[in-house]
């Protein structure tokens, strides 16, 4: 069973930044396949935030373009999400996904 663990969530004021990280102790290489970050706000469906292909190509949801950046740290075997200029509407539980596997989520709360 592949386990993914997110970290880096927390409470931040609007305009602030957070960096989320997704790691695994399951022995898989996160760089080997497409990975993605999703989020789910209370009462809403889970939505794709950003994805990164095995070759490094990236895609972003329109609502985070120019503010968020997805990347990998191959030395650490992590997938990261740099979130800048955070807005209250970014408040959600953020999940990392690798192939079919999901992490447990990390809470991001942005205060106005």
N, C-alpha and C. Protein backbone atom coordinates (compact mmCIF):
# COMPACT_ATOMS: atom_id res chain seq x y z
N UNK A 1 0.84 -1.18 0.00
CA UNK A 1 0.00 0.00 0.00
C UNK A 1 0.89 1.25 0.00
N UNK A 2 0.65 2.13 -0.94
CA UNK A 2 1.43 3.37 -1.03
C UNK A 2 0.82 4.39 -0.08
N UNK A 3 1.67 4.98 0.72
CA UNK A 3 1.21 6.02 1.65
C UNK A 3 1.84 7.35 1.26
N UNK A 4 1.00 8.37 1.16
CA UNK A 4 1.44 9.72 0.88
C UNK A 4 1.12 10.58 2.10
N UNK A 5 2.03 11.45 2.46
CA UNK A 5 1.83 12.29 3.63
C UNK A 5 2.09 13.74 3.24
N UNK A 6 1.07 14.58 3.45
CA UNK A 6 1.21 16.01 3.19
C UNK A 6 1.65 16.73 4.45
N UNK A 7 2.35 17.82 4.26
CA UNK A 7 2.75 18.68 5.37
C UNK A 7 2.82 20.11 4.88
N UNK A 8 2.86 21.04 5.83
CA UNK A 8 3.04 22.44 5.48
C UNK A 8 1.80 23.29 5.56
N UNK A 9 0.66 22.68 5.83
CA UNK A 9 -0.55 23.48 5.95
C UNK A 9 -0.54 24.32 7.22
N UNK A 10 -1.54 25.19 7.33
CA UNK A 10 -1.63 26.03 8.52
C UNK A 10 -2.53 27.21 8.31
N UNK A 11 -2.43 28.16 9.22
CA UNK A 11 -3.22 29.38 9.18
C UNK A 11 -2.34 30.53 8.73
N UNK A 12 -2.81 31.28 7.75
CA UNK A 12 -2.04 32.40 7.23
C UNK A 12 -2.99 33.53 6.88
N UNK A 13 -2.51 34.75 6.94
CA UNK A 13 -3.33 35.89 6.56
C UNK A 13 -3.36 36.03 5.04
N UNK A 14 -4.41 36.65 4.56
CA UNK A 14 -4.53 36.90 3.13
C UNK A 14 -3.29 37.65 2.64
N UNK A 15 -2.79 37.21 1.48
CA UNK A 15 -1.58 37.78 0.93
C UNK A 15 -0.32 37.04 1.33
N UNK A 16 -0.46 36.14 2.26
CA UNK A 16 0.69 35.37 2.73
C UNK A 16 1.00 34.17 1.87
N UNK A 17 1.97 33.39 2.31
CA UNK A 17 2.44 32.24 1.54
C UNK A 17 2.55 31.00 2.43
N UNK A 18 2.39 29.87 1.79
CA UNK A 18 2.64 28.57 2.42
C UNK A 18 3.27 27.65 1.39
N UNK A 19 4.03 26.69 1.88
CA UNK A 19 4.59 25.69 0.99
C UNK A 19 4.17 24.32 1.49
N UNK A 20 3.44 23.61 0.67
CA UNK A 20 3.01 22.25 1.00
C UNK A 20 3.99 21.25 0.42
N UNK A 21 4.15 20.15 1.11
CA UNK A 21 5.04 19.10 0.63
C UNK A 21 4.33 17.75 0.75
N UNK A 22 4.56 16.91 -0.22
CA UNK A 22 3.99 15.56 -0.24
C UNK A 22 5.14 14.57 -0.29
N UNK A 23 5.19 13.67 0.68
CA UNK A 23 6.27 12.71 0.75
C UNK A 23 5.69 11.30 0.89
N UNK A 24 6.54 10.33 0.64
CA UNK A 24 6.13 8.94 0.79
C UNK A 24 7.26 8.12 1.40
N UNK A 25 6.89 7.16 2.19
CA UNK A 25 7.85 6.23 2.77
C UNK A 25 7.66 4.84 2.17
N UNK A 26 6.95 4.82 1.04
CA UNK A 26 6.57 3.54 0.45
C UNK A 26 7.57 3.02 -0.58
N UNK A 27 8.66 3.77 -0.78
CA UNK A 27 9.68 3.28 -1.69
C UNK A 27 9.44 3.60 -3.16
N UNK A 28 8.35 4.32 -3.47
CA UNK A 28 8.10 4.68 -4.86
C UNK A 28 8.77 6.01 -5.17
N UNK A 29 9.03 6.24 -6.43
CA UNK A 29 9.60 7.51 -6.87
C UNK A 29 8.46 8.40 -7.34
N UNK A 30 8.28 9.52 -6.67
CA UNK A 30 7.21 10.43 -7.06
C UNK A 30 7.45 11.04 -8.44
N UNK A 31 8.69 11.05 -8.87
CA UNK A 31 9.01 11.61 -10.18
C UNK A 31 8.68 10.68 -11.33
N UNK A 32 8.32 9.43 -11.02
CA UNK A 32 8.13 8.43 -12.07
C UNK A 32 6.79 8.57 -12.79
N UNK A 33 5.83 9.23 -12.16
CA UNK A 33 4.51 9.36 -12.75
C UNK A 33 3.93 10.74 -12.47
N UNK A 34 2.81 11.00 -13.10
CA UNK A 34 2.14 12.28 -12.87
C UNK A 34 1.66 12.39 -11.43
N UNK A 35 1.87 13.55 -10.86
CA UNK A 35 1.38 13.85 -9.54
C UNK A 35 0.52 15.09 -9.58
N UNK A 36 -0.27 15.29 -8.55
CA UNK A 36 -1.17 16.43 -8.55
C UNK A 36 -1.53 16.84 -7.13
N UNK A 37 -1.93 18.09 -7.02
CA UNK A 37 -2.52 18.61 -5.78
C UNK A 37 -3.98 18.93 -6.06
N UNK A 38 -4.82 18.52 -5.14
CA UNK A 38 -6.24 18.83 -5.18
C UNK A 38 -6.60 19.57 -3.89
N UNK A 39 -7.79 20.14 -3.88
CA UNK A 39 -8.28 20.74 -2.65
C UNK A 39 -9.78 20.55 -2.54
N UNK A 40 -10.24 20.57 -1.32
CA UNK A 40 -11.68 20.44 -1.07
C UNK A 40 -12.07 21.37 0.06
N UNK A 41 -12.91 22.32 -0.28
CA UNK A 41 -13.45 23.26 0.70
C UNK A 41 -14.74 22.69 1.27
N UNK A 42 -15.13 23.12 2.47
CA UNK A 42 -16.37 22.61 3.08
C UNK A 42 -17.57 22.79 2.17
N UNK A 43 -18.32 21.72 1.97
CA UNK A 43 -19.52 21.79 1.15
C UNK A 43 -19.27 21.81 -0.34
N UNK A 44 -18.02 21.67 -0.74
CA UNK A 44 -17.69 21.70 -2.17
C UNK A 44 -17.03 20.41 -2.59
N UNK A 45 -17.03 20.19 -3.90
CA UNK A 45 -16.36 19.01 -4.43
C UNK A 45 -14.85 19.21 -4.45
N UNK A 46 -14.15 18.10 -4.42
CA UNK A 46 -12.70 18.17 -4.54
C UNK A 46 -12.35 18.64 -5.95
N UNK A 47 -11.38 19.54 -6.04
CA UNK A 47 -11.01 20.10 -7.34
C UNK A 47 -9.51 20.07 -7.54
N UNK A 48 -9.13 19.93 -8.80
CA UNK A 48 -7.72 19.91 -9.17
C UNK A 48 -7.12 21.31 -9.04
N UNK A 49 -5.98 21.38 -8.40
CA UNK A 49 -5.27 22.65 -8.25
C UNK A 49 -4.13 22.74 -9.27
N UNK A 50 -3.29 21.71 -9.30
CA UNK A 50 -2.14 21.70 -10.20
C UNK A 50 -1.65 20.28 -10.38
N UNK A 51 -1.01 20.04 -11.52
CA UNK A 51 -0.44 18.71 -11.77
C UNK A 51 0.94 18.87 -12.39
N UNK A 52 1.74 17.82 -12.25
CA UNK A 52 3.08 17.81 -12.84
C UNK A 52 3.33 16.43 -13.43
N UNK A 53 3.74 16.43 -14.69
CA UNK A 53 4.01 15.17 -15.37
C UNK A 53 5.36 14.60 -15.02
N UNK A 54 5.60 13.37 -15.45
CA UNK A 54 6.88 12.73 -15.17
C UNK A 54 8.03 13.50 -15.82
N UNK A 55 7.73 14.20 -16.92
CA UNK A 55 8.76 14.98 -17.58
C UNK A 55 8.90 16.39 -17.06
N UNK A 56 8.05 16.73 -16.10
CA UNK A 56 8.14 18.05 -15.49
C UNK A 56 7.14 19.07 -16.01
N UNK A 57 6.32 18.68 -16.99
CA UNK A 57 5.32 19.62 -17.49
C UNK A 57 4.28 19.87 -16.41
N UNK A 58 3.80 21.10 -16.36
CA UNK A 58 2.87 21.48 -15.29
C UNK A 58 1.58 22.06 -15.87
N UNK A 59 0.52 21.91 -15.11
CA UNK A 59 -0.77 22.50 -15.45
C UNK A 59 -1.40 23.05 -14.18
N UNK A 60 -2.12 24.14 -14.33
CA UNK A 60 -2.72 24.81 -13.19
C UNK A 60 -4.18 25.14 -13.45
N UNK A 61 -4.96 25.07 -12.40
CA UNK A 61 -6.32 25.57 -12.49
C UNK A 61 -6.27 27.08 -12.65
N UNK A 62 -7.22 27.63 -13.36
CA UNK A 62 -7.21 29.07 -13.63
C UNK A 62 -7.19 29.87 -12.34
N UNK A 63 -7.83 29.37 -11.29
CA UNK A 63 -7.94 30.18 -10.07
C UNK A 63 -6.63 30.25 -9.28
N UNK A 64 -5.59 29.53 -9.69
CA UNK A 64 -4.30 29.62 -8.99
C UNK A 64 -3.16 30.05 -9.91
N UNK A 65 -3.44 30.19 -11.18
CA UNK A 65 -2.38 30.58 -12.12
C UNK A 65 -1.75 31.89 -11.69
N UNK A 66 -0.43 31.89 -11.71
CA UNK A 66 0.31 33.08 -11.33
C UNK A 66 0.55 33.21 -9.84
N UNK A 67 -0.10 32.36 -9.05
CA UNK A 67 0.06 32.43 -7.59
C UNK A 67 0.68 31.16 -7.01
N UNK A 68 0.34 30.01 -7.57
CA UNK A 68 0.83 28.73 -7.06
C UNK A 68 1.83 28.14 -8.03
N UNK A 69 2.75 27.33 -7.49
CA UNK A 69 3.74 26.66 -8.33
C UNK A 69 3.96 25.24 -7.81
N UNK A 70 3.81 24.26 -8.70
CA UNK A 70 4.03 22.88 -8.34
C UNK A 70 5.42 22.45 -8.80
N UNK A 71 6.09 21.66 -7.99
CA UNK A 71 7.43 21.23 -8.34
C UNK A 71 7.75 19.91 -7.64
N UNK A 72 8.87 19.35 -8.02
CA UNK A 72 9.37 18.15 -7.33
C UNK A 72 10.78 18.42 -6.82
N UNK A 73 11.08 17.80 -5.71
CA UNK A 73 12.44 17.77 -5.20
C UNK A 73 12.88 16.31 -5.28
N UNK A 74 13.57 15.98 -6.35
CA UNK A 74 13.91 14.57 -6.57
C UNK A 74 14.89 14.04 -5.52
N UNK A 75 15.71 14.91 -4.98
CA UNK A 75 16.66 14.47 -3.95
C UNK A 75 15.92 14.04 -2.69
N UNK A 76 14.83 14.73 -2.41
CA UNK A 76 14.05 14.41 -1.22
C UNK A 76 12.87 13.48 -1.54
N UNK A 77 12.63 13.28 -2.85
CA UNK A 77 11.49 12.50 -3.29
C UNK A 77 10.18 13.08 -2.77
N UNK A 78 10.00 14.37 -2.99
CA UNK A 78 8.78 15.05 -2.58
C UNK A 78 8.18 15.79 -3.77
N UNK A 79 6.90 16.07 -3.64
CA UNK A 79 6.19 16.93 -4.58
C UNK A 79 5.67 18.10 -3.78
N UNK A 80 5.97 19.30 -4.22
CA UNK A 80 5.69 20.48 -3.43
C UNK A 80 4.72 21.42 -4.14
N UNK A 81 4.04 22.24 -3.34
CA UNK A 81 3.15 23.26 -3.87
C UNK A 81 3.45 24.57 -3.14
N UNK A 82 4.06 25.48 -3.85
CA UNK A 82 4.32 26.82 -3.31
C UNK A 82 3.10 27.67 -3.57
N UNK A 83 2.53 28.22 -2.52
CA UNK A 83 1.31 29.01 -2.63
C UNK A 83 1.59 30.43 -2.17
N UNK A 84 1.50 31.37 -3.08
CA UNK A 84 1.74 32.77 -2.77
C UNK A 84 0.46 33.58 -2.94
N UNK A 85 0.46 34.76 -2.35
CA UNK A 85 -0.69 35.65 -2.46
C UNK A 85 -2.00 34.91 -2.15
N UNK A 86 -2.00 34.22 -1.03
CA UNK A 86 -3.16 33.42 -0.68
C UNK A 86 -4.38 34.29 -0.40
N UNK A 87 -5.54 33.73 -0.75
CA UNK A 87 -6.81 34.43 -0.57
C UNK A 87 -7.71 33.60 0.35
N UNK A 88 -8.67 34.23 0.99
CA UNK A 88 -9.57 33.46 1.86
C UNK A 88 -10.26 32.31 1.12
N UNK A 89 -10.52 32.49 -0.16
CA UNK A 89 -11.19 31.43 -0.92
C UNK A 89 -10.26 30.24 -1.21
N UNK A 90 -9.00 30.36 -0.86
CA UNK A 90 -8.08 29.22 -0.98
C UNK A 90 -8.18 28.28 0.23
N UNK A 91 -8.96 28.68 1.22
CA UNK A 91 -9.14 27.84 2.40
C UNK A 91 -9.76 26.51 2.02
N UNK A 92 -9.08 25.43 2.39
CA UNK A 92 -9.52 24.09 2.01
C UNK A 92 -8.57 23.07 2.62
N UNK A 93 -8.95 21.82 2.51
CA UNK A 93 -8.02 20.73 2.79
C UNK A 93 -7.34 20.40 1.47
N UNK A 94 -6.03 20.38 1.48
CA UNK A 94 -5.25 20.12 0.28
C UNK A 94 -4.71 18.69 0.32
N UNK A 95 -4.90 18.00 -0.80
CA UNK A 95 -4.51 16.59 -0.92
C UNK A 95 -3.50 16.43 -2.04
N UNK A 96 -2.51 15.58 -1.82
CA UNK A 96 -1.64 15.21 -2.93
C UNK A 96 -2.11 13.86 -3.47
N UNK A 97 -1.86 13.68 -4.75
CA UNK A 97 -2.24 12.45 -5.43
C UNK A 97 -1.09 12.00 -6.32
N UNK A 98 -0.79 10.72 -6.25
CA UNK A 98 0.22 10.12 -7.12
C UNK A 98 -0.40 8.88 -7.74
N UNK A 99 -0.59 8.92 -9.04
CA UNK A 99 -1.26 7.84 -9.78
C UNK A 99 -2.65 7.68 -9.20
N UNK A 100 -2.93 6.62 -8.46
CA UNK A 100 -4.27 6.43 -7.89
C UNK A 100 -4.29 6.63 -6.39
N UNK A 101 -3.15 7.01 -5.83
CA UNK A 101 -3.02 7.09 -4.37
C UNK A 101 -3.18 8.52 -3.88
N UNK A 102 -3.84 8.64 -2.72
CA UNK A 102 -4.12 9.94 -2.11
C UNK A 102 -3.47 10.04 -0.74
N UNK A 103 -3.07 11.25 -0.39
CA UNK A 103 -2.66 11.52 0.97
C UNK A 103 -3.88 11.78 1.83
N UNK A 104 -3.63 12.03 3.11
CA UNK A 104 -4.74 12.24 4.05
C UNK A 104 -5.21 13.69 4.09
N UNK A 105 -4.43 14.57 3.49
CA UNK A 105 -4.82 15.98 3.42
C UNK A 105 -4.18 16.82 4.50
N UNK A 106 -4.01 18.10 4.18
CA UNK A 106 -3.51 19.06 5.14
C UNK A 106 -4.36 20.32 5.04
N UNK A 107 -4.74 20.88 6.18
CA UNK A 107 -5.65 22.02 6.21
C UNK A 107 -4.90 23.32 5.93
N UNK A 108 -5.44 24.10 5.02
CA UNK A 108 -4.95 25.45 4.76
C UNK A 108 -6.09 26.41 5.06
N UNK A 109 -5.83 27.35 5.95
CA UNK A 109 -6.84 28.34 6.30
C UNK A 109 -6.25 29.73 6.07
N UNK A 110 -6.95 30.53 5.29
CA UNK A 110 -6.50 31.88 4.97
C UNK A 110 -7.49 32.85 5.57
N UNK A 111 -7.01 33.68 6.47
CA UNK A 111 -7.88 34.65 7.12
C UNK A 111 -7.85 35.98 6.38
N UNK A 112 -8.96 36.67 6.42
CA UNK A 112 -9.06 37.96 5.71
C UNK A 112 -8.62 39.12 6.57
